[in-house]
Amino acid sequence: MYLPARDARYNTITIVSGQRTTFQAVLDNATNRDYWSTAGNGLLGVGAPRMLKFIAQMQF
């Protein structure tokens, strides 16, 4: 049974048009390995596959 998964995250904060803006890139399960996300009550939850997300957040 393989449990851990490796994630990577990059964050940066800058000013865009005078507003504080946060940019993020998130890579879930970077190694794309199979893993169990949960275990209990006789059940196992299969972890998510590799997923890349880009997020932008502006405060105004």
PDB file of N, CA and C in Angstrom:
ATOM      1  N   MET A   1       0.852  -1.173   0.000  1.00  0.00           N
ATOM      2  CA  MET A   1       0.000   0.000   0.000  1.00  0.00           C
ATOM      3  C   MET A   1       0.895   1.233   0.000  1.00  0.00           C
ATOM      4  N   TYR A   2       0.646   2.146  -0.890  1.00  0.00           N
ATOM      5  CA  TYR A   2       1.419   3.388  -1.009  1.00  0.00           C
ATOM      6  C   TYR A   2       0.524   4.542  -0.593  1.00  0.00           C
ATOM      7  N   LEU A   3       0.910   5.294   0.429  1.00  0.00           N
ATOM      8  CA  LEU A   3       0.045   6.347   0.954  1.00  0.00           C
ATOM      9  C   LEU A   3       0.394   7.764   0.527  1.00  0.00           C
ATOM     10  N   PRO A   4       1.655   8.197   0.610  1.00  0.00           N
ATOM     11  CA  PRO A   4       1.908   9.624   0.371  1.00  0.00           C
ATOM     12  C   PRO A   4       1.812  10.019  -1.100  1.00  0.00           C
ATOM     13  N   ALA A   5       1.482  11.268  -1.315  1.00  0.00           N
ATOM     14  CA  ALA A   5       1.511  11.884  -2.641  1.00  0.00           C
ATOM     15  C   ALA A   5       2.314  13.167  -2.507  1.00  0.00           C
ATOM     16  N   ARG A   6       2.928  13.608  -3.564  1.00  0.00           N
ATOM     17  CA  ARG A   6       3.745  14.815  -3.531  1.00  0.00           C
ATOM     18  C   ARG A   6       3.051  15.910  -4.318  1.00  0.00           C
ATOM     19  N   ASP A   7       2.954  17.072  -3.699  1.00  0.00           N
ATOM     20  CA  ASP A   7       2.335  18.230  -4.332  1.00  0.00           C
ATOM     21  C   ASP A   7       3.367  19.346  -4.444  1.00  0.00           C
ATOM     22  N   ALA A   8       3.164  20.237  -5.391  1.00  0.00           N
ATOM     23  CA  ALA A   8       4.044  21.396  -5.560  1.00  0.00           C
ATOM     24  C   ALA A   8       3.169  22.636  -5.689  1.00  0.00           C
ATOM     25  N   ARG A   9       3.669  23.757  -5.172  1.00  0.00           N
ATOM     26  CA  ARG A   9       2.887  24.993  -5.188  1.00  0.00           C
ATOM     27  C   ARG A   9       3.839  26.166  -5.401  1.00  0.00           C
ATOM     28  N   TYR A  10       3.417  27.118  -6.230  1.00  0.00           N
ATOM     29  CA  TYR A  10       4.167  28.351  -6.442  1.00  0.00           C
ATOM     30  C   TYR A  10       3.205  29.513  -6.254  1.00  0.00           C
ATOM     31  N   ASN A  11       3.578  30.466  -5.396  1.00  0.00           N
ATOM     32  CA  ASN A  11       2.755  31.654  -5.139  1.00  0.00           C
ATOM     33  C   ASN A  11       3.580  32.898  -5.384  1.00  0.00           C
ATOM     34  N   THR A  12       2.959  33.925  -5.920  1.00  0.00           N
ATOM     35  CA  THR A  12       3.596  35.231  -6.022  1.00  0.00           C
ATOM     36  C   THR A  12       2.527  36.307  -5.835  1.00  0.00           C
ATOM     37  N   ILE A  13       2.911  37.385  -5.192  1.00  0.00           N
ATOM     38  CA  ILE A  13       2.007  38.514  -4.965  1.00  0.00           C
ATOM     39  C   ILE A  13       2.602  39.728  -5.657  1.00  0.00           C
ATOM     40  N   THR A  14       1.775  40.449  -6.406  1.00  0.00           N
ATOM     41  CA  THR A  14       2.232  41.625  -7.132  1.00  0.00           C
ATOM     42  C   THR A  14       1.096  42.650  -7.184  1.00  0.00           C
ATOM     43  N   ILE A  15       1.362  43.781  -7.772  1.00  0.00           N
ATOM     44  CA  ILE A  15       0.359  44.829  -7.954  1.00  0.00           C
ATOM     45  C   ILE A  15       0.009  44.902  -9.440  1.00  0.00           C
ATOM     46  N   VAL A  16      -1.279  44.771  -9.758  1.00  0.00           N
ATOM     47  CA  VAL A  16      -1.769  44.873 -11.130  1.00  0.00           C
ATOM     48  C   VAL A  16      -2.845  45.951 -11.141  1.00  0.00           C
ATOM     49  N   SER A  17      -2.662  46.977 -11.957  1.00  0.00           N
ATOM     50  CA  SER A  17      -3.610  48.102 -12.047  1.00  0.00           C
ATOM     51  C   SER A  17      -3.914  48.684 -10.671  1.00  0.00           C
ATOM     52  N   GLY A  18      -2.886  48.760  -9.830  1.00  0.00           N
ATOM     53  CA  GLY A  18      -3.041  49.339  -8.502  1.00  0.00           C
ATOM     54  C   GLY A  18      -3.694  48.427  -7.474  1.00  0.00           C
ATOM     55  N   GLN A  19      -3.983  47.186  -7.831  1.00  0.00           N
ATOM     56  CA  GLN A  19      -4.637  46.237  -6.924  1.00  0.00           C
ATOM     57  C   GLN A  19      -3.684  45.088  -6.582  1.00  0.00           C
ATOM     58  N   ARG A  20      -3.697  44.692  -5.306  1.00  0.00           N
ATOM     59  CA  ARG A  20      -2.881  43.552  -4.883  1.00  0.00           C
ATOM     60  C   ARG A  20      -3.428  42.292  -5.545  1.00  0.00           C
ATOM     61  N   THR A  21      -2.561  41.559  -6.230  1.00  0.00           N
ATOM     62  CA  THR A  21      -2.966  40.381  -6.987  1.00  0.00           C
ATOM     63  C   THR A  21      -2.067  39.207  -6.630  1.00  0.00           C
ATOM     64  N   THR A  22      -2.677  38.057  -6.398  1.00  0.00           N
ATOM     65  CA  THR A  22      -1.947  36.834  -6.082  1.00  0.00           C
ATOM     66  C   THR A  22      -2.110  35.858  -7.237  1.00  0.00           C
ATOM     67  N   PHE A  23      -0.998  35.303  -7.696  1.00  0.00           N
ATOM     68  CA  PHE A  23      -1.010  34.258  -8.716  1.00  0.00           C
ATOM     69  C   PHE A  23      -0.484  32.978  -8.081  1.00  0.00           C
ATOM     70  N   GLN A  24      -1.141  31.867  -8.390  1.00  0.00           N
ATOM     71  CA  GLN A  24      -0.721  30.579  -7.854  1.00  0.00           C
ATOM     72  C   GLN A  24      -0.737  29.538  -8.961  1.00  0.00           C
ATOM     73  N   ALA A  25       0.210  28.627  -8.891  1.00  0.00           N
ATOM     74  CA  ALA A  25       0.207  27.421  -9.714  1.00  0.00           C
ATOM     75  C   ALA A  25       0.317  26.257  -8.738  1.00  0.00           C
ATOM     76  N   VAL A  26      -0.602  25.312  -8.842  1.00  0.00           N
ATOM     77  CA  VAL A  26      -0.650  24.183  -7.916  1.00  0.00           C
ATOM     78  C   VAL A  26      -0.623  22.893  -8.730  1.00  0.00           C
ATOM     79  N   LEU A  27       0.321  22.023  -8.409  1.00  0.00           N
ATOM     80  CA  LEU A  27       0.427  20.721  -9.064  1.00  0.00           C
ATOM     81  C   LEU A  27       0.159  19.655  -8.013  1.00  0.00           C
ATOM     82  N   ASP A  28      -1.016  19.051  -8.069  1.00  0.00           N
ATOM     83  CA  ASP A  28      -1.379  17.976  -7.147  1.00  0.00           C
ATOM     84  C   ASP A  28      -0.870  16.650  -7.700  1.00  0.00           C
ATOM     85  N   ASN A  29      -0.366  15.793  -6.813  1.00  0.00           N
ATOM     86  CA  ASN A  29       0.180  14.482  -7.174  1.00  0.00           C
ATOM     87  C   ASN A  29       1.219  14.628  -8.291  1.00  0.00           C
ATOM     88  N   ALA A  30       2.238  15.420  -8.027  1.00  0.00           N
ATOM     89  CA  ALA A  30       3.263  15.759  -9.022  1.00  0.00           C
ATOM     90  C   ALA A  30       3.939  14.529  -9.621  1.00  0.00           C
ATOM     91  N   THR A  31       4.078  13.463  -8.843  1.00  0.00           N
ATOM     92  CA  THR A  31       4.742  12.256  -9.343  1.00  0.00           C
ATOM     93  C   THR A  31       3.787  11.341 -10.098  1.00  0.00           C
ATOM     94  N   ASN A  32       2.495  11.684 -10.109  1.00  0.00           N
ATOM     95  CA  ASN A  32       1.454  10.912 -10.791  1.00  0.00           C
ATOM     96  C   ASN A  32       1.434   9.449 -10.345  1.00  0.00           C
ATOM     97  N   ARG A  33       1.656   9.225  -9.051  1.00  0.00           N
ATOM     98  CA  ARG A  33       1.627   7.871  -8.505  1.00  0.00           C
ATOM     99  C   ARG A  33       0.249   7.583  -7.928  1.00  0.00           C
ATOM    100  N   ASP A  34      -0.117   6.307  -7.945  1.00  0.00           N
ATOM    101  CA  ASP A  34      -1.354   5.884  -7.297  1.00  0.00           C
ATOM    102  C   ASP A  34      -1.152   5.942  -5.791  1.00  0.00           C
ATOM    103  N   TYR A  35      -2.161   6.397  -5.073  1.00  0.00           N
ATOM    104  CA  TYR A  35      -2.071   6.465  -3.617  1.00  0.00           C
ATOM    105  C   TYR A  35      -3.468   6.395  -3.025  1.00  0.00           C
ATOM    106  N   TRP A  36      -3.524   6.128  -1.742  1.00  0.00           N
ATOM    107  CA  TRP A  36      -4.789   6.094  -1.018  1.00  0.00           C
ATOM    108  C   TRP A  36      -4.958   7.419  -0.305  1.00  0.00           C
ATOM    109  N   SER A  37      -6.049   8.112  -0.557  1.00  0.00           N
ATOM    110  CA  SER A  37      -6.268   9.415   0.073  1.00  0.00           C
ATOM    111  C   SER A  37      -6.869   9.278   1.466  1.00  0.00           C
ATOM    112  N   THR A  38      -7.657   8.237   1.676  1.00  0.00           N
ATOM    113  CA  THR A  38      -8.267   7.996   2.984  1.00  0.00           C
ATOM    114  C   THR A  38      -8.335   6.501   3.246  1.00  0.00           C
ATOM    115  N   ALA A  39      -8.353   6.158   4.509  1.00  0.00           N
ATOM    116  CA  ALA A  39      -8.516   4.762   4.902  1.00  0.00           C
ATOM    117  C   ALA A  39      -9.250   4.738   6.235  1.00  0.00           C
ATOM    118  N   GLY A  40     -10.269   3.926   6.327  1.00  0.00           N
ATOM    119  CA  GLY A  40     -11.009   3.808   7.576  1.00  0.00           C
ATOM    120  C   GLY A  40     -12.317   3.082   7.373  1.00  0.00           C
ATOM    121  N   ASN A  41     -12.835   2.496   8.429  1.00  0.00           N
ATOM    122  CA  ASN A  41     -14.103   1.759   8.387  1.00  0.00           C
ATOM    123  C   ASN A  41     -14.109   0.685   7.311  1.00  0.00           C
ATOM    124  N   GLY A  42     -12.955   0.086   7.055  1.00  0.00           N
ATOM    125  CA  GLY A  42     -12.879  -0.972   6.053  1.00  0.00           C
ATOM    126  C   GLY A  42     -12.914  -0.479   4.621  1.00  0.00           C
ATOM    127  N   LEU A  43     -12.784   0.822   4.406  1.00  0.00           N
ATOM    128  CA  LEU A  43     -12.835   1.394   3.060  1.00  0.00           C
ATOM    129  C   LEU A  43     -11.532   2.106   2.736  1.00  0.00           C
ATOM    130  N   LEU A  44     -11.186   2.152   1.460  1.00  0.00           N
ATOM    131  CA  LEU A  44     -10.025   2.899   0.981  1.00  0.00           C
ATOM    132  C   LEU A  44     -10.488   3.897  -0.066  1.00  0.00           C
ATOM    133  N   GLY A  45      -9.982   5.118  -0.003  1.00  0.00           N
ATOM    134  CA  GLY A  45     -10.298   6.135  -1.003  1.00  0.00           C
ATOM    135  C   GLY A  45      -9.109   6.318  -1.931  1.00  0.00           C
ATOM    136  N   VAL A  46      -9.331   6.176  -3.219  1.00  0.00           N
ATOM    137  CA  VAL A  46      -8.263   6.319  -4.204  1.00  0.00           C
ATOM    138  C   VAL A  46      -7.956   7.800  -4.393  1.00  0.00           C
ATOM    139  N   GLY A  47      -6.667   8.149  -4.410  1.00  0.00           N
ATOM    140  CA  GLY A  47      -6.250   9.540  -4.577  1.00  0.00           C
ATOM    141  C   GLY A  47      -6.447  10.034  -5.998  1.00  0.00           C
ATOM    142  N   ALA A  48      -6.447  11.336  -6.142  1.00  0.00           N
ATOM    143  CA  ALA A  48      -6.656  11.975  -7.445  1.00  0.00           C
ATOM    144  C   ALA A  48      -5.424  11.817  -8.337  1.00  0.00           C
ATOM    145  N   PRO A  49      -5.601  11.814  -9.649  1.00  0.00           N
ATOM    146  CA  PRO A  49      -4.459  11.784 -10.562  1.00  0.00           C
ATOM    147  C   PRO A  49      -3.763  13.146 -10.579  1.00  0.00           C
ATOM    148  N   ARG A  50      -2.671  13.247 -11.317  1.00  0.00           N
ATOM    149  CA  ARG A  50      -1.957  14.522 -11.440  1.00  0.00           C
ATOM    150  C   ARG A  50      -2.911  15.586 -11.973  1.00  0.00           C
ATOM    151  N   MET A  51      -2.855  16.766 -11.347  1.00  0.00           N
ATOM    152  CA  MET A  51      -3.737  17.861 -11.756  1.00  0.00           C
ATOM    153  C   MET A  51      -2.991  19.183 -11.587  1.00  0.00           C
ATOM    154  N   LEU A  52      -3.005  20.015 -12.617  1.00  0.00           N
ATOM    155  CA  LEU A  52      -2.367  21.324 -12.589  1.00  0.00           C
ATOM    156  C   LEU A  52      -3.449  22.396 -12.577  1.00  0.00           C
ATOM    157  N   LYS A  53      -3.355  23.323 -11.600  1.00  0.00           N
ATOM    158  CA  LYS A  53      -4.345  24.395 -11.480  1.00  0.00           C
ATOM    159  C   LYS A  53      -3.622  25.737 -11.467  1.00  0.00           C
ATOM    160  N   PHE A  54      -4.197  26.708 -12.157  1.00  0.00           N
ATOM    161  CA  PHE A  54      -3.711  28.085 -12.121  1.00  0.00           C
ATOM    162  C   PHE A  54      -4.795  28.939 -11.475  1.00  0.00           C
ATOM    163  N   ILE A  55      -4.393  29.789 -10.531  1.00  0.00           N
ATOM    164  CA  ILE A  55      -5.344  30.605  -9.778  1.00  0.00           C
ATOM    165  C   ILE A  55      -4.851  32.044  -9.767  1.00  0.00           C
ATOM    166  N   ALA A  56      -5.737  32.983 -10.025  1.00  0.00           N
ATOM    167  CA  ALA A  56      -5.432  34.412  -9.902  1.00  0.00           C
ATOM    168  C   ALA A  56      -6.489  35.023  -8.994  1.00  0.00           C
ATOM    169  N   GLN A  57      -6.034  35.820  -8.031  1.00  0.00           N
ATOM    170  CA  GLN A  57      -6.953  36.450  -7.082  1.00  0.00           C
ATOM    171  C   GLN A  57      -6.578  37.917  -6.952  1.00  0.00           C
ATOM    172  N   MET A  58      -7.546  38.797  -7.178  1.00  0.00           N
ATOM    173  CA  MET A  58      -7.308  40.239  -7.082  1.00  0.00           C
ATOM    174  C   MET A  58      -8.152  40.810  -5.955  1.00  0.00           C
ATOM    175  N   GLN A  59      -7.529  41.593  -5.084  1.00  0.00           N
ATOM    176  CA  GLN A  59      -8.251  42.251  -4.000  1.00  0.00           C
ATOM    177  C   GLN A  59      -8.608  43.665  -4.431  1.00  0.00           C
ATOM    178  N   PHE A  60      -9.869  44.023  -4.269  1.00  0.00           N
ATOM    179  CA  PHE A  60     -10.305  45.380  -4.606  1.00  0.00           C
ATOM    180  C   PHE A  60     -11.378  45.829  -3.658  1.00  0.00           C
TER     181      PHE A  60
END
